[in-house]
Amino acid sequence: VWTYWVLRALGSSPAPSDENNDGIISAEEAYVYAANELAHSPFSDYQHPQLYEGTPGQIPLVWHLTPVYTYWFTWYDMKDAKWDAIHITNLGSRNAIIELYIAGTLKDRIILSPGASTYKVYPGIKGGPVKIVSTEPLHITRRIVGWNSFVELPAMSENSKSNKVFFNWYDMKDAKWNAIHIINPSDIDASVKIYIGGEFKGTMRLGPGETKYVTYPGLK
């Protein structure tokens, strides 16, 4: 019976044991919920669980994060760039529960109060894509310093996805580097055809959540 109520405490979203509604179920919250339910059951005289973890404060056990807002960058580079910071602002009216992934690996869990901002850097990390999911709407940019320049890039939201994208120019003749980064934010495979100056240059295939880039040396 005790195990049943503990599993109920940790399961479903929103979880009934989440007293402060932060999306995180702690050991203390799970215990309080399960103990209360057990006390009101016919088996309360047979089981007497107690809580002791020897650690001050709340011990998180489960994150219940239902991604409502999703944002993407094709790449992150804190290896070759001097600086690459991901700036995040919570535009919502409630605490934002945020998870940040780079190349499919969870790098951060963040709780951001309404109107608050923060930034994150990950020294030595290079790769992509960057995926950020949140329970509240966010404003996100990357501020990049390197290669004698500074640039601030906005994140791509779910609303900005498109199966047809245009750039007004391509130059790998006069520029030192010009890479076209492509990301597939969908949950199915994507086949991408690239044209420059109206001329077909090739097809790129990307799996769900995959990112790739391509260059065309000497082309302008």
N, C-alpha and C. Protein backbone atom coordinates (compact mmCIF):
# COMPACT_ATOMS: atom_id res chain seq x y z
N VAL A 1 0.84 -1.20 0.00
CA VAL A 1 0.00 0.00 0.00
C VAL A 1 0.87 1.25 0.00
N TRP A 2 1.91 1.24 0.83
CA TRP A 2 2.82 2.40 0.88
C TRP A 2 3.47 2.63 -0.49
N THR A 3 3.94 1.58 -1.11
CA THR A 3 4.57 1.70 -2.43
C THR A 3 3.60 2.29 -3.44
N TYR A 4 2.36 1.87 -3.38
CA TYR A 4 1.34 2.40 -4.31
C TYR A 4 1.23 3.91 -4.19
N TRP A 5 1.16 4.42 -2.96
CA TRP A 5 0.98 5.86 -2.79
C TRP A 5 2.26 6.64 -3.14
N VAL A 6 3.41 6.03 -2.92
CA VAL A 6 4.66 6.69 -3.33
C VAL A 6 4.70 6.83 -4.86
N LEU A 7 4.31 5.77 -5.56
CA LEU A 7 4.28 5.83 -7.02
C LEU A 7 3.27 6.86 -7.51
N ARG A 8 2.14 6.96 -6.81
CA ARG A 8 1.17 7.99 -7.17
C ARG A 8 1.75 9.38 -6.96
N ALA A 9 2.55 9.52 -5.89
CA ALA A 9 3.16 10.82 -5.59
C ALA A 9 4.13 11.24 -6.67
N LEU A 10 4.83 10.28 -7.26
CA LEU A 10 5.85 10.60 -8.26
C LEU A 10 5.31 10.64 -9.68
N GLY A 11 4.14 10.07 -9.89
CA GLY A 11 3.63 9.94 -11.25
C GLY A 11 2.76 11.09 -11.69
N SER A 12 2.31 11.02 -12.93
CA SER A 12 1.40 11.95 -13.61
C SER A 12 1.84 13.41 -13.48
N SER A 13 1.37 14.20 -14.40
CA SER A 13 1.68 15.63 -14.40
C SER A 13 0.40 16.40 -14.70
N PRO A 14 -0.04 17.31 -13.79
CA PRO A 14 0.66 17.70 -12.55
C PRO A 14 0.53 16.63 -11.48
N ALA A 15 1.59 16.44 -10.73
CA ALA A 15 1.61 15.41 -9.68
C ALA A 15 0.83 15.91 -8.46
N PRO A 16 0.03 15.06 -7.83
CA PRO A 16 -0.75 15.49 -6.67
C PRO A 16 0.11 15.87 -5.47
N SER A 17 1.35 15.43 -5.45
CA SER A 17 2.23 15.71 -4.31
C SER A 17 3.00 17.01 -4.46
N ASP A 18 2.90 17.68 -5.61
CA ASP A 18 3.68 18.89 -5.88
C ASP A 18 3.06 20.08 -5.15
N GLU A 19 3.39 20.26 -3.88
CA GLU A 19 2.75 21.26 -3.04
C GLU A 19 3.02 22.69 -3.50
N ASN A 20 4.23 22.97 -3.95
CA ASN A 20 4.57 24.33 -4.35
C ASN A 20 4.43 24.58 -5.85
N ASN A 21 3.93 23.58 -6.58
CA ASN A 21 3.66 23.71 -8.02
C ASN A 21 4.86 24.19 -8.83
N ASP A 22 6.04 23.68 -8.49
CA ASP A 22 7.23 24.07 -9.25
C ASP A 22 7.63 23.03 -10.28
N GLY A 23 6.83 21.95 -10.40
CA GLY A 23 7.14 20.92 -11.38
C GLY A 23 8.18 19.92 -10.90
N ILE A 24 8.65 20.07 -9.67
CA ILE A 24 9.67 19.18 -9.11
C ILE A 24 9.08 18.45 -7.90
N ILE A 25 9.18 17.14 -7.91
CA ILE A 25 8.71 16.35 -6.77
C ILE A 25 9.91 16.01 -5.91
N SER A 26 9.92 16.51 -4.68
CA SER A 26 11.02 16.23 -3.77
C SER A 26 10.69 15.02 -2.91
N ALA A 27 11.70 14.48 -2.24
CA ALA A 27 11.49 13.35 -1.34
C ALA A 27 10.52 13.72 -0.23
N GLU A 28 10.62 14.96 0.26
CA GLU A 28 9.74 15.41 1.32
C GLU A 28 8.30 15.51 0.86
N GLU A 29 8.09 16.06 -0.33
CA GLU A 29 6.73 16.17 -0.86
C GLU A 29 6.11 14.79 -1.11
N ALA A 30 6.91 13.88 -1.67
CA ALA A 30 6.41 12.53 -1.92
C ALA A 30 6.04 11.84 -0.62
N TYR A 31 6.88 12.01 0.41
CA TYR A 31 6.62 11.37 1.71
C TYR A 31 5.34 11.93 2.34
N VAL A 32 5.21 13.24 2.37
CA VAL A 32 4.03 13.87 2.99
C VAL A 32 2.75 13.41 2.31
N TYR A 33 2.77 13.40 0.98
CA TYR A 33 1.57 12.98 0.25
C TYR A 33 1.24 11.51 0.52
N ALA A 34 2.25 10.63 0.38
CA ALA A 34 2.01 9.19 0.56
C ALA A 34 1.62 8.86 2.00
N ALA A 35 2.26 9.51 2.96
CA ALA A 35 1.94 9.25 4.36
C ALA A 35 0.52 9.69 4.69
N ASN A 36 0.10 10.82 4.14
CA ASN A 36 -1.25 11.30 4.39
C ASN A 36 -2.30 10.35 3.79
N GLU A 37 -2.03 9.88 2.57
CA GLU A 37 -2.97 8.94 1.93
C GLU A 37 -3.02 7.62 2.68
N LEU A 38 -1.86 7.15 3.15
CA LEU A 38 -1.82 5.90 3.91
C LEU A 38 -2.59 6.02 5.23
N ALA A 39 -2.45 7.19 5.86
CA ALA A 39 -3.12 7.41 7.15
C ALA A 39 -4.63 7.33 7.02
N HIS A 40 -5.16 7.64 5.85
CA HIS A 40 -6.60 7.61 5.62
C HIS A 40 -7.07 6.30 4.98
N SER A 41 -6.16 5.33 4.91
CA SER A 41 -6.53 4.03 4.32
C SER A 41 -6.78 3.01 5.42
N PRO A 42 -7.44 1.89 5.08
CA PRO A 42 -7.71 0.84 6.09
C PRO A 42 -6.45 0.14 6.59
N PHE A 43 -5.30 0.40 5.95
CA PHE A 43 -4.07 -0.31 6.30
C PHE A 43 -3.11 0.55 7.13
N SER A 44 -3.62 1.66 7.66
CA SER A 44 -2.73 2.59 8.38
C SER A 44 -2.12 1.98 9.64
N ASP A 45 -2.78 0.98 10.22
CA ASP A 45 -2.25 0.37 11.44
C ASP A 45 -1.13 -0.63 11.17
N TYR A 46 -0.94 -0.99 9.89
CA TYR A 46 0.03 -2.05 9.57
C TYR A 46 1.35 -1.52 9.00
N GLN A 47 1.35 -0.28 8.54
CA GLN A 47 2.57 0.29 7.96
C GLN A 47 2.85 1.64 8.61
N HIS A 48 4.12 1.86 8.99
CA HIS A 48 4.50 3.11 9.66
C HIS A 48 5.80 3.65 9.05
N PRO A 49 5.75 4.11 7.83
CA PRO A 49 6.98 4.61 7.16
C PRO A 49 7.47 5.89 7.81
N GLN A 50 8.79 6.11 7.76
CA GLN A 50 9.39 7.32 8.26
C GLN A 50 10.38 7.85 7.24
N LEU A 51 10.59 9.14 7.30
CA LEU A 51 11.50 9.79 6.35
C LEU A 51 12.78 10.20 7.04
N TYR A 52 13.90 9.77 6.45
CA TYR A 52 15.21 10.28 6.89
C TYR A 52 16.19 10.12 5.75
N GLU A 53 16.70 11.28 5.23
CA GLU A 53 17.71 11.20 4.17
C GLU A 53 19.02 11.85 4.58
N GLY A 54 19.06 12.44 5.79
CA GLY A 54 20.31 12.96 6.32
C GLY A 54 20.84 14.19 5.60
N THR A 55 20.00 14.83 4.80
CA THR A 55 20.44 16.00 4.04
C THR A 55 19.49 17.16 4.28
N PRO A 56 20.00 18.34 4.61
CA PRO A 56 19.12 19.49 4.81
C PRO A 56 18.50 19.94 3.48
N GLY A 57 17.29 20.50 3.58
CA GLY A 57 16.64 21.02 2.38
C GLY A 57 15.89 19.94 1.62
N GLN A 58 15.29 20.36 0.53
CA GLN A 58 14.49 19.48 -0.31
C GLN A 58 15.40 18.67 -1.25
N ILE A 59 15.09 17.38 -1.36
CA ILE A 59 15.84 16.49 -2.25
C ILE A 59 14.98 16.20 -3.47
N PRO A 60 15.31 16.77 -4.65
CA PRO A 60 14.47 16.53 -5.84
C PRO A 60 14.56 15.08 -6.30
N LEU A 61 13.42 14.49 -6.62
CA LEU A 61 13.36 13.12 -7.11
C LEU A 61 12.93 13.06 -8.57
N VAL A 62 11.90 13.84 -8.93
CA VAL A 62 11.31 13.77 -10.27
C VAL A 62 10.99 15.17 -10.74
N TRP A 63 11.33 15.42 -12.01
CA TRP A 63 10.92 16.66 -12.67
C TRP A 63 9.73 16.36 -13.56
N HIS A 64 8.63 17.08 -13.34
CA HIS A 64 7.47 16.96 -14.23
C HIS A 64 7.45 18.19 -15.12
N LEU A 65 8.11 18.07 -16.26
CA LEU A 65 8.18 19.19 -17.19
C LEU A 65 7.41 18.82 -18.45
N THR A 66 6.31 19.51 -18.69
CA THR A 66 5.55 19.32 -19.91
C THR A 66 5.95 20.43 -20.87
N PRO A 67 6.75 20.12 -21.90
CA PRO A 67 7.21 21.18 -22.80
C PRO A 67 6.05 21.85 -23.51
N VAL A 68 5.89 23.12 -23.24
CA VAL A 68 4.86 23.91 -23.90
C VAL A 68 5.50 24.80 -24.96
N TYR A 69 6.66 25.33 -24.66
CA TYR A 69 7.38 26.21 -25.57
C TYR A 69 8.75 25.59 -25.87
N THR A 70 9.08 25.51 -27.15
CA THR A 70 10.34 24.90 -27.57
C THR A 70 11.12 25.88 -28.43
N TYR A 71 12.42 25.97 -28.19
CA TYR A 71 13.29 26.90 -28.91
C TYR A 71 14.55 26.15 -29.36
N TRP A 72 15.14 26.62 -30.47
CA TRP A 72 16.29 25.93 -31.05
C TRP A 72 17.37 26.91 -31.47
N PHE A 73 18.62 26.46 -31.37
CA PHE A 73 19.76 27.01 -32.10
C PHE A 73 20.40 25.84 -32.85
N THR A 74 20.95 26.11 -34.00
CA THR A 74 21.58 25.03 -34.75
C THR A 74 22.91 24.60 -34.14
N TRP A 75 23.54 25.49 -33.36
CA TRP A 75 24.92 25.20 -32.94
C TRP A 75 25.24 25.93 -31.65
N TYR A 76 26.25 25.43 -30.93
CA TYR A 76 26.82 26.11 -29.77
C TYR A 76 28.32 25.87 -29.80
N ASP A 77 29.09 26.93 -29.50
CA ASP A 77 30.55 26.81 -29.59
C ASP A 77 31.23 27.64 -28.51
N MET A 78 31.62 26.98 -27.45
CA MET A 78 32.42 27.63 -26.41
C MET A 78 33.81 27.01 -26.39
N LYS A 79 34.19 26.45 -27.54
CA LYS A 79 35.51 25.86 -27.69
C LYS A 79 36.38 26.74 -28.58
N ASP A 80 35.86 27.09 -29.74
CA ASP A 80 36.62 27.95 -30.66
C ASP A 80 36.30 29.42 -30.47
N ALA A 81 35.06 29.72 -30.08
CA ALA A 81 34.68 31.11 -29.83
C ALA A 81 35.23 31.57 -28.48
N LYS A 82 35.45 32.88 -28.35
CA LYS A 82 35.91 33.42 -27.07
C LYS A 82 34.78 33.41 -26.04
N TRP A 83 33.55 33.58 -26.52
CA TRP A 83 32.40 33.67 -25.64
C TRP A 83 31.15 33.25 -26.39
N ASP A 84 30.33 32.44 -25.77
CA ASP A 84 29.06 32.03 -26.36
C ASP A 84 28.07 31.84 -25.21
N ALA A 85 27.28 32.88 -24.96
CA ALA A 85 26.35 32.88 -23.82
C ALA A 85 24.91 32.78 -24.33
N ILE A 86 24.13 31.92 -23.70
CA ILE A 86 22.71 31.79 -24.01
C ILE A 86 21.94 32.60 -22.98
N HIS A 87 21.32 33.70 -23.43
CA HIS A 87 20.58 34.60 -22.56
C HIS A 87 19.10 34.26 -22.61
N ILE A 88 18.49 34.13 -21.43
CA ILE A 88 17.10 33.69 -21.33
C ILE A 88 16.32 34.66 -20.44
N THR A 89 15.15 35.09 -20.93
CA THR A 89 14.24 35.93 -20.15
C THR A 89 12.87 35.26 -20.11
N ASN A 90 12.27 35.20 -18.94
CA ASN A 90 10.94 34.63 -18.78
C ASN A 90 9.89 35.69 -19.07
N LEU A 91 9.15 35.52 -20.16
CA LEU A 91 8.10 36.46 -20.55
C LEU A 91 6.74 36.09 -19.94
N GLY A 92 6.67 34.96 -19.25
CA GLY A 92 5.41 34.48 -18.72
C GLY A 92 5.04 35.10 -17.39
N SER A 93 3.89 34.69 -16.87
CA SER A 93 3.37 35.22 -15.61
C SER A 93 3.61 34.28 -14.45
N ARG A 94 4.22 33.12 -14.71
CA ARG A 94 4.52 32.14 -13.66
C ARG A 94 5.98 31.73 -13.75
N ASN A 95 6.46 31.02 -12.75
CA ASN A 95 7.81 30.49 -12.82
C ASN A 95 7.96 29.61 -14.06
N ALA A 96 9.05 29.81 -14.78
CA ALA A 96 9.34 28.98 -15.95
C ALA A 96 10.26 27.84 -15.55
N ILE A 97 9.84 26.62 -15.85
CA ILE A 97 10.68 25.44 -15.63
C ILE A 97 11.31 25.11 -16.98
N ILE A 98 12.63 25.17 -17.04
CA ILE A 98 13.36 25.14 -18.31
C ILE A 98 14.35 24.00 -18.31
N GLU A 99 14.43 23.30 -19.43
CA GLU A 99 15.48 22.31 -19.65
C GLU A 99 16.24 22.69 -20.92
N LEU A 100 17.57 22.60 -20.85
CA LEU A 100 18.43 22.99 -21.95
C LEU A 100 19.28 21.80 -22.37
N TYR A 101 19.19 21.45 -23.65
CA TYR A 101 19.93 20.31 -24.21
C TYR A 101 20.90 20.80 -25.27
N ILE A 102 22.08 20.20 -25.31
CA ILE A 102 23.04 20.44 -26.39
C ILE A 102 23.42 19.09 -26.97
N ALA A 103 23.20 18.95 -28.28
CA ALA A 103 23.47 17.68 -28.99
C ALA A 103 22.75 16.51 -28.32
N GLY A 104 21.53 16.77 -27.84
CA GLY A 104 20.72 15.71 -27.26
C GLY A 104 21.00 15.41 -25.80
N THR A 105 22.00 16.07 -25.21
CA THR A 105 22.38 15.83 -23.81
C THR A 105 21.86 16.95 -22.92
N LEU A 106 21.16 16.59 -21.85
CA LEU A 106 20.66 17.59 -20.92
C LEU A 106 21.83 18.29 -20.22
N LYS A 107 21.89 19.61 -20.36
CA LYS A 107 22.98 20.39 -19.78
C LYS A 107 22.54 21.22 -18.58
N ASP A 108 21.27 21.59 -18.52
CA ASP A 108 20.83 22.46 -17.44
C ASP A 108 19.34 22.31 -17.19
N ARG A 109 18.97 22.45 -15.93
CA ARG A 109 17.58 22.64 -15.51
C ARG A 109 17.52 23.96 -14.77
N ILE A 110 16.60 24.81 -15.17
CA ILE A 110 16.55 26.18 -14.66
C ILE A 110 15.13 26.50 -14.24
N ILE A 111 14.97 27.17 -13.10
CA ILE A 111 13.68 27.74 -12.71
C ILE A 111 13.85 29.26 -12.70
N LEU A 112 13.04 29.95 -13.50
CA LEU A 112 13.20 31.39 -13.70
C LEU A 112 11.88 32.07 -13.37
N SER A 113 11.91 33.01 -12.44
CA SER A 113 10.70 33.70 -12.02
C SER A 113 10.21 34.66 -13.11
N PRO A 114 8.95 35.07 -13.07
CA PRO A 114 8.40 35.96 -14.11
C PRO A 114 9.21 37.24 -14.26
N GLY A 115 9.56 37.57 -15.50
CA GLY A 115 10.31 38.79 -15.79
C GLY A 115 11.79 38.70 -15.51
N ALA A 116 12.25 37.60 -14.96
CA ALA A 116 13.66 37.45 -14.62
C ALA A 116 14.47 37.00 -15.83
N SER A 117 15.76 37.29 -15.78
CA SER A 117 16.68 36.90 -16.85
C SER A 117 17.90 36.21 -16.27
N THR A 118 18.51 35.38 -17.10
CA THR A 118 19.76 34.74 -16.73
C THR A 118 20.53 34.42 -17.99
N TYR A 119 21.77 34.02 -17.85
CA TYR A 119 22.52 33.53 -19.01
C TYR A 119 23.35 32.33 -18.58
N LYS A 120 23.66 31.49 -19.58
CA LYS A 120 24.39 30.27 -19.32
C LYS A 120 25.52 30.12 -20.33
N VAL A 121 26.68 29.68 -19.85
CA VAL A 121 27.81 29.34 -20.72
C VAL A 121 28.30 27.96 -20.33
N TYR A 122 28.84 27.25 -21.31
CA TYR A 122 29.31 25.88 -21.11
C TYR A 122 30.71 25.73 -21.69
N PRO A 123 31.74 26.10 -20.91
CA PRO A 123 33.12 26.09 -21.41
C PRO A 123 33.52 24.73 -21.98
N GLY A 124 34.19 24.79 -23.13
CA GLY A 124 34.71 23.58 -23.75
C GLY A 124 33.70 22.80 -24.57
N ILE A 125 32.43 23.23 -24.57
CA ILE A 125 31.39 22.52 -25.30
C ILE A 125 31.24 23.10 -26.71
N LYS A 126 31.19 22.21 -27.69
CA LYS A 126 30.97 22.61 -29.08
C LYS A 126 30.09 21.54 -29.73
N GLY A 127 28.97 21.97 -30.30
CA GLY A 127 28.09 21.01 -30.95
C GLY A 127 26.68 21.53 -31.05
N GLY A 128 25.81 20.72 -31.57
CA GLY A 128 24.43 21.12 -31.73
C GLY A 128 23.56 19.94 -32.12
N PRO A 129 22.26 20.17 -32.14
CA PRO A 129 21.62 21.47 -31.92
C PRO A 129 21.45 21.79 -30.44
N VAL A 130 21.05 23.04 -30.18
CA VAL A 130 20.65 23.45 -28.84
C VAL A 130 19.12 23.45 -28.81
N LYS A 131 18.55 22.72 -27.88
CA LYS A 131 17.09 22.66 -27.72
C LYS A 131 16.74 23.11 -26.31
N ILE A 132 15.79 24.05 -26.22
CA ILE A 132 15.36 24.57 -24.93
C ILE A 132 13.85 24.42 -24.83
N VAL A 133 13.38 23.75 -23.79
CA VAL A 133 11.95 23.58 -23.58
C VAL A 133 11.56 24.26 -22.27
N SER A 134 10.37 24.85 -22.26
CA SER A 134 9.96 25.65 -21.11
C SER A 134 8.44 25.56 -20.92
N THR A 135 8.02 25.75 -19.68
CA THR A 135 6.60 25.80 -19.38
C THR A 135 6.02 27.19 -19.57
N GLU A 136 6.87 28.18 -19.83
CA GLU A 136 6.44 29.55 -20.05
C GLU A 136 7.13 30.11 -21.29
N PRO A 137 6.55 31.12 -21.94
CA PRO A 137 7.22 31.73 -23.10
C PRO A 137 8.49 32.44 -22.69
N LEU A 138 9.51 32.35 -23.55
CA LEU A 138 10.82 32.91 -23.25
C LEU A 138 11.29 33.81 -24.39
N HIS A 139 12.20 34.71 -24.06
CA HIS A 139 12.99 35.42 -25.07
C HIS A 139 14.42 34.93 -24.91
N ILE A 140 14.98 34.36 -25.99
CA ILE A 140 16.31 33.73 -25.89
C ILE A 140 17.19 34.22 -27.03
N THR A 141 18.42 34.57 -26.70
CA THR A 141 19.42 34.90 -27.71
C THR A 141 20.75 34.28 -27.32
N ARG A 142 21.62 34.12 -28.33
CA ARG A 142 23.01 33.76 -28.09
C ARG A 142 23.87 34.97 -28.38
N ARG A 143 24.75 35.32 -27.46
CA ARG A 143 25.71 36.40 -27.66
C ARG A 143 27.08 35.77 -27.84
N ILE A 144 27.63 35.95 -29.03
CA ILE A 144 28.85 35.26 -29.43
C ILE A 144 29.95 36.28 -29.71
N VAL A 145 31.11 36.07 -29.09
CA VAL A 145 32.29 36.88 -29.34
C VAL A 145 33.38 35.96 -29.87
N GLY A 146 33.94 36.32 -31.02
CA GLY A 146 35.01 35.51 -31.59
C GLY A 146 35.24 35.87 -33.04
N TRP A 147 36.42 35.50 -33.53
CA TRP A 147 36.76 35.74 -34.93
C TRP A 147 36.63 37.24 -35.28
N ASN A 148 37.07 38.08 -34.32
CA ASN A 148 37.08 39.54 -34.49
C ASN A 148 35.69 40.12 -34.72
N SER A 149 34.68 39.52 -34.12
CA SER A 149 33.32 40.03 -34.30
C SER A 149 32.46 39.71 -33.09
N PHE A 150 31.30 40.39 -33.03
CA PHE A 150 30.28 40.12 -32.03
C PHE A 150 28.95 39.99 -32.74
N VAL A 151 28.16 38.99 -32.35
CA VAL A 151 26.84 38.81 -32.96
C VAL A 151 25.88 38.32 -31.90
N GLU A 152 24.64 38.76 -32.00
CA GLU A 152 23.57 38.27 -31.12
C GLU A 152 22.50 37.63 -31.97
N LEU A 153 22.26 36.34 -31.74
CA LEU A 153 21.34 35.56 -32.57
C LEU A 153 20.09 35.19 -31.79
N PRO A 154 18.91 35.45 -32.34
CA PRO A 154 17.68 35.03 -31.66
C PRO A 154 17.44 33.53 -31.86
N ALA A 155 16.82 32.91 -30.87
CA ALA A 155 16.48 31.50 -30.99
C ALA A 155 15.32 31.32 -31.97
N MET A 156 15.28 30.15 -32.58
CA MET A 156 14.16 29.81 -33.45
C MET A 156 13.07 29.17 -32.59
N SER A 157 11.85 29.69 -32.70
CA SER A 157 10.74 29.13 -31.95
C SER A 157 9.96 28.15 -32.83
N GLU A 158 9.01 27.46 -32.22
CA GLU A 158 8.18 26.53 -32.98
C GLU A 158 7.42 27.26 -34.09
N ASN A 159 7.05 28.52 -33.83
CA ASN A 159 6.27 29.28 -34.81
C ASN A 159 7.09 29.70 -36.02
N SER A 160 8.41 29.67 -35.90
CA SER A 160 9.26 30.12 -37.00
C SER A 160 9.75 28.99 -37.88
N LYS A 161 9.30 27.77 -37.61
CA LYS A 161 9.69 26.64 -38.45
C LYS A 161 9.12 26.83 -39.86
N SER A 162 9.87 26.38 -40.85
CA SER A 162 9.41 26.51 -42.23
C SER A 162 10.06 25.44 -43.09
N ASN A 163 9.36 25.03 -44.14
CA ASN A 163 9.96 24.07 -45.08
C ASN A 163 10.54 24.77 -46.30
N LYS A 164 10.60 26.11 -46.25
CA LYS A 164 11.25 26.87 -47.33
C LYS A 164 11.89 28.11 -46.72
N VAL A 165 13.22 28.22 -46.85
CA VAL A 165 13.97 29.33 -46.24
C VAL A 165 14.84 29.99 -47.30
N PHE A 166 14.94 31.32 -47.26
CA PHE A 166 15.73 32.07 -48.24
C PHE A 166 16.83 32.88 -47.55
N PHE A 167 18.01 32.91 -48.16
CA PHE A 167 19.05 33.89 -47.86
C PHE A 167 19.25 34.71 -49.13
N ASN A 168 19.53 36.01 -48.98
CA ASN A 168 19.66 36.83 -50.18
C ASN A 168 21.03 36.73 -50.84
N TRP A 169 22.00 36.06 -50.17
CA TRP A 169 23.33 36.00 -50.76
C TRP A 169 24.12 34.86 -50.14
N TYR A 170 25.09 34.34 -50.92
CA TYR A 170 26.05 33.36 -50.40
C TYR A 170 27.42 33.71 -50.94
N ASP A 171 28.45 33.68 -50.07
CA ASP A 171 29.80 34.07 -50.50
C ASP A 171 30.84 33.24 -49.77
N MET A 172 31.41 32.28 -50.48
CA MET A 172 32.54 31.51 -49.94
C MET A 172 33.76 31.75 -50.82
N LYS A 173 33.72 32.90 -51.53
CA LYS A 173 34.84 33.30 -52.37
C LYS A 173 35.64 34.41 -51.69
N ASP A 174 34.94 35.46 -51.27
CA ASP A 174 35.60 36.57 -50.60
C ASP A 174 35.61 36.40 -49.08
N ALA A 175 34.60 35.72 -48.56
CA ALA A 175 34.54 35.48 -47.11
C ALA A 175 35.46 34.31 -46.74
N LYS A 176 35.97 34.35 -45.50
CA LYS A 176 36.81 33.25 -45.02
C LYS A 176 35.97 32.00 -44.76
N TRP A 177 34.73 32.20 -44.38
CA TRP A 177 33.87 31.07 -44.02
C TRP A 177 32.42 31.46 -44.21
N ASN A 178 31.65 30.58 -44.78
CA ASN A 178 30.22 30.81 -44.95
C ASN A 178 29.52 29.45 -44.94
N ALA A 179 29.02 29.08 -43.79
CA ALA A 179 28.38 27.77 -43.62
C ALA A 179 26.87 27.95 -43.50
N ILE A 180 26.13 27.10 -44.17
CA ILE A 180 24.68 27.07 -44.06
C ILE A 180 24.32 25.97 -43.05
N HIS A 181 23.81 26.38 -41.91
CA HIS A 181 23.42 25.44 -40.86
C HIS A 181 21.93 25.13 -40.98
N ILE A 182 21.60 23.87 -40.94
CA ILE A 182 20.21 23.42 -41.09
C ILE A 182 19.85 22.51 -39.93
N ILE A 183 18.67 22.71 -39.39
CA ILE A 183 18.19 21.89 -38.28
C ILE A 183 16.82 21.33 -38.62
N ASN A 184 16.58 20.11 -38.19
CA ASN A 184 15.27 19.48 -38.35
C ASN A 184 14.60 19.41 -36.99
N PRO A 185 13.71 20.36 -36.66
CA PRO A 185 13.08 20.36 -35.34
C PRO A 185 11.86 19.45 -35.24
N SER A 186 11.55 18.73 -36.31
CA SER A 186 10.36 17.87 -36.30
C SER A 186 10.69 16.49 -35.74
N ASP A 187 9.68 15.64 -35.65
CA ASP A 187 9.88 14.29 -35.13
C ASP A 187 9.91 13.24 -36.24
N ILE A 188 10.10 13.68 -37.49
CA ILE A 188 10.24 12.76 -38.62
C ILE A 188 11.46 13.16 -39.44
N ASP A 189 11.96 12.25 -40.28
CA ASP A 189 13.11 12.54 -41.13
C ASP A 189 12.79 13.67 -42.10
N ALA A 190 13.81 14.46 -42.42
CA ALA A 190 13.64 15.57 -43.36
C ALA A 190 14.62 15.42 -44.53
N SER A 191 14.15 15.69 -45.73
CA SER A 191 14.99 15.73 -46.92
C SER A 191 15.04 17.17 -47.40
N VAL A 192 16.25 17.74 -47.44
CA VAL A 192 16.42 19.17 -47.72
C VAL A 192 17.18 19.35 -49.03
N LYS A 193 16.61 20.14 -49.94
CA LYS A 193 17.27 20.47 -51.20
C LYS A 193 17.78 21.90 -51.14
N ILE A 194 19.00 22.10 -51.61
CA ILE A 194 19.64 23.42 -51.53
C ILE A 194 19.88 23.96 -52.93
N TYR A 195 19.46 25.19 -53.14
CA TYR A 195 19.67 25.88 -54.41
C TYR A 195 20.40 27.20 -54.14
N ILE A 196 21.38 27.52 -54.96
CA ILE A 196 22.08 28.81 -54.89
C ILE A 196 22.07 29.43 -56.28
N GLY A 197 21.55 30.66 -56.36
CA GLY A 197 21.42 31.30 -57.66
C GLY A 197 20.53 30.53 -58.62
N GLY A 198 19.58 29.81 -58.08
CA GLY A 198 18.67 29.01 -58.89
C GLY A 198 19.21 27.66 -59.31
N GLU A 199 20.46 27.36 -58.96
CA GLU A 199 21.10 26.11 -59.36
C GLU A 199 21.07 25.10 -58.21
N PHE A 200 20.63 23.89 -58.49
CA PHE A 200 20.55 22.83 -57.49
C PHE A 200 21.95 22.41 -57.05
N LYS A 201 22.19 22.40 -55.72
CA LYS A 201 23.52 22.08 -55.20
C LYS A 201 23.59 20.74 -54.47
N GLY A 202 22.47 20.21 -54.08
CA GLY A 202 22.51 18.92 -53.42
C GLY A 202 21.37 18.72 -52.45
N THR A 203 21.27 17.49 -51.95
CA THR A 203 20.23 17.12 -51.00
C THR A 203 20.88 16.69 -49.68
N MET A 204 20.31 17.13 -48.60
CA MET A 204 20.78 16.79 -47.27
C MET A 204 19.66 16.09 -46.52
N ARG A 205 19.97 15.00 -45.86
CA ARG A 205 18.97 14.27 -45.08
C ARG A 205 19.28 14.40 -43.59
N LEU A 206 18.25 14.75 -42.84
CA LEU A 206 18.42 14.94 -41.40
C LEU A 206 17.35 14.15 -40.64
N GLY A 207 17.79 13.48 -39.60
CA GLY A 207 16.87 12.78 -38.71
C GLY A 207 16.19 13.76 -37.78
N PRO A 208 15.21 13.31 -37.01
CA PRO A 208 14.52 14.19 -36.05
C PRO A 208 15.49 14.82 -35.05
N GLY A 209 15.44 16.15 -34.92
CA GLY A 209 16.30 16.85 -33.98
C GLY A 209 17.75 16.96 -34.41
N GLU A 210 18.07 16.57 -35.63
CA GLU A 210 19.46 16.58 -36.10
C GLU A 210 19.80 17.91 -36.75
N THR A 211 21.07 18.29 -36.67
CA THR A 211 21.57 19.50 -37.33
C THR A 211 22.81 19.17 -38.14
N LYS A 212 22.95 19.83 -39.29
CA LYS A 212 24.13 19.68 -40.14
C LYS A 212 24.45 21.03 -40.77
N TYR A 213 25.66 21.13 -41.32
CA TYR A 213 25.99 22.34 -42.07
C TYR A 213 26.72 21.95 -43.33
N VAL A 214 26.70 22.87 -44.31
CA VAL A 214 27.34 22.62 -45.59
C VAL A 214 28.01 23.91 -46.07
N THR A 215 29.13 23.78 -46.76
CA THR A 215 29.81 24.93 -47.37
C THR A 215 30.09 24.64 -48.83
N TYR A 216 30.27 25.69 -49.61
CA TYR A 216 30.55 25.56 -51.03
C TYR A 216 31.76 26.46 -51.39
N PRO A 217 32.99 25.97 -51.13
CA PRO A 217 34.19 26.77 -51.35
C PRO A 217 34.27 27.33 -52.78
N GLY A 218 34.65 28.60 -52.87
CA GLY A 218 34.81 29.26 -54.16
C GLY A 218 33.54 29.77 -54.77
N LEU A 219 32.41 29.50 -54.15
CA LEU A 219 31.12 29.91 -54.72
C LEU A 219 30.69 31.27 -54.18
N LYS A 220 30.21 32.08 -55.10
CA LYS A 220 29.70 33.41 -54.72
C LYS A 220 28.54 33.75 -55.62
